[in-house]
Amino acid sequence: MTAAPSPPPADLDPRLLEVLVCPVTRAPLFYDRARGELISHSAKLAYPIRDGVPIMLPEEARSLAEGE
């Protein structure tokens, strides 16, 4: 049995993106729709979005690879 493909990520409310900042650096975040993540270039972290909710915990974020 194969897993059903996951639906494409939903768009993030632009008003939410305006007020969210990186909890580590307080820098603005950039929305990566394809990966369903909020990116903090200053902290080199990508915060996941699960079920439309940004998970803004540094311990839940993944580290960005060089050049990402």
C-alpha atoms as a PDB file:
ATOM      1  CA  MET A   1       0.000   0.000   0.000  1.00  0.00           C
ATOM      2  CA  THR A   2       1.430   3.393  -0.961  1.00  0.00           C
ATOM      3  CA  ALA A   3       0.884   6.560   1.011  1.00  0.00           C
ATOM      4  CA  ALA A   4      -1.366   9.179  -0.510  1.00  0.00           C
ATOM      5  CA  PRO A   5       0.517  12.250  -1.683  1.00  0.00           C
ATOM      6  CA  SER A   6       0.328  15.092   0.789  1.00  0.00           C
ATOM      7  CA  PRO A   7      -1.693  18.106  -0.300  1.00  0.00           C
ATOM      8  CA  PRO A   8       0.214  21.200  -1.342  1.00  0.00           C
ATOM      9  CA  PRO A   9       0.882  23.576   1.537  1.00  0.00           C
ATOM     10  CA  ALA A  10      -1.767  26.192   2.131  1.00  0.00           C
ATOM     11  CA  ASP A  11      -0.906  29.824   1.709  1.00  0.00           C
ATOM     12  CA  LEU A  12       0.049  31.602   4.880  1.00  0.00           C
ATOM     13  CA  ASP A  13      -2.004  34.649   5.822  1.00  0.00           C
ATOM     14  CA  PRO A  14       0.135  37.658   4.778  1.00  0.00           C
ATOM     15  CA  ARG A  15      -0.970  39.549   7.906  1.00  0.00           C
ATOM     16  CA  LEU A  16       0.459  36.766  10.050  1.00  0.00           C
ATOM     17  CA  LEU A  17       3.754  36.890   8.188  1.00  0.00           C
ATOM     18  CA  GLU A  18       3.940  40.646   8.835  1.00  0.00           C
ATOM     19  CA  VAL A  19       3.882  40.182  12.624  1.00  0.00           C
ATOM     20  CA  LEU A  20       5.914  36.977  13.023  1.00  0.00           C
ATOM     21  CA  VAL A  21       9.640  37.313  13.605  1.00  0.00           C
ATOM     22  CA  CYS A  22      12.372  34.815  14.353  1.00  0.00           C
ATOM     23  CA  PRO A  23      12.244  34.023  18.087  1.00  0.00           C
ATOM     24  CA  VAL A  24      16.045  33.775  18.183  1.00  0.00           C
ATOM     25  CA  THR A  25      17.092  36.940  16.316  1.00  0.00           C
ATOM     26  CA  ARG A  26      13.843  38.936  16.047  1.00  0.00           C
ATOM     27  CA  ALA A  27      14.584  39.286  12.320  1.00  0.00           C
ATOM     28  CA  PRO A  28      11.872  39.043   9.626  1.00  0.00           C
ATOM     29  CA  LEU A  29      10.898  35.622   8.299  1.00  0.00           C
ATOM     30  CA  PHE A  30      10.445  34.561   4.689  1.00  0.00           C
ATOM     31  CA  TYR A  31       7.768  32.094   3.639  1.00  0.00           C
ATOM     32  CA  ASP A  32       8.911  29.078   1.610  1.00  0.00           C
ATOM     33  CA  ARG A  33       5.596  27.775   0.271  1.00  0.00           C
ATOM     34  CA  ALA A  34       7.133  24.761  -1.481  1.00  0.00           C
ATOM     35  CA  ARG A  35       8.625  23.427   1.756  1.00  0.00           C
ATOM     36  CA  GLY A  36       5.942  24.770   4.089  1.00  0.00           C
ATOM     37  CA  GLU A  37       8.461  26.603   6.246  1.00  0.00           C
ATOM     38  CA  LEU A  38       9.250  30.039   7.577  1.00  0.00           C
ATOM     39  CA  ILE A  39      12.898  30.856   6.937  1.00  0.00           C
ATOM     40  CA  SER A  40      15.140  32.936   9.188  1.00  0.00           C
ATOM     41  CA  HIS A  41      18.268  33.722   7.209  1.00  0.00           C
ATOM     42  CA  SER A  42      19.839  35.524  10.169  1.00  0.00           C
ATOM     43  CA  ALA A  43      19.492  32.486  12.471  1.00  0.00           C
ATOM     44  CA  LYS A  44      19.975  29.975   9.625  1.00  0.00           C
ATOM     45  CA  LEU A  45      16.809  28.162  10.739  1.00  0.00           C
ATOM     46  CA  ALA A  46      13.644  26.959   9.007  1.00  0.00           C
ATOM     47  CA  TYR A  47      10.524  26.789  11.170  1.00  0.00           C
ATOM     48  CA  PRO A  48       7.932  24.223  10.067  1.00  0.00           C
ATOM     49  CA  ILE A  49       4.288  24.977   9.391  1.00  0.00           C
ATOM     50  CA  ARG A  50       2.050  22.110  10.506  1.00  0.00           C
ATOM     51  CA  ASP A  51      -1.651  22.095   9.676  1.00  0.00           C
ATOM     52  CA  GLY A  52      -1.421  25.804   8.848  1.00  0.00           C
ATOM     53  CA  VAL A  53       0.194  26.685  12.197  1.00  0.00           C
ATOM     54  CA  PRO A  54       3.782  28.003  12.300  1.00  0.00           C
ATOM     55  CA  ILE A  55       5.811  26.135  14.913  1.00  0.00           C
ATOM     56  CA  MET A  56       8.043  28.908  16.236  1.00  0.00           C
ATOM     57  CA  LEU A  57      10.150  26.836  18.620  1.00  0.00           C
ATOM     58  CA  PRO A  58      13.897  26.845  17.913  1.00  0.00           C
ATOM     59  CA  GLU A  59      14.144  23.188  18.973  1.00  0.00           C
ATOM     60  CA  GLU A  60      11.580  22.283  16.281  1.00  0.00           C
ATOM     61  CA  ALA A  61      13.376  24.235  13.531  1.00  0.00           C
ATOM     62  CA  ARG A  62      15.807  22.637  11.139  1.00  0.00           C
ATOM     63  CA  SER A  63      19.202  24.158  10.426  1.00  0.00           C
ATOM     64  CA  LEU A  64      19.622  25.581   6.952  1.00  0.00           C
ATOM     65  CA  ALA A  65      22.314  24.091   4.761  1.00  0.00           C
ATOM     66  CA  GLU A  66      25.023  26.354   3.395  1.00  0.00           C
ATOM     67  CA  GLY A  67      23.617  28.484   0.564  1.00  0.00           C
ATOM     68  CA  GLU A  68      20.003  27.589   1.345  1.00  0.00           C
END
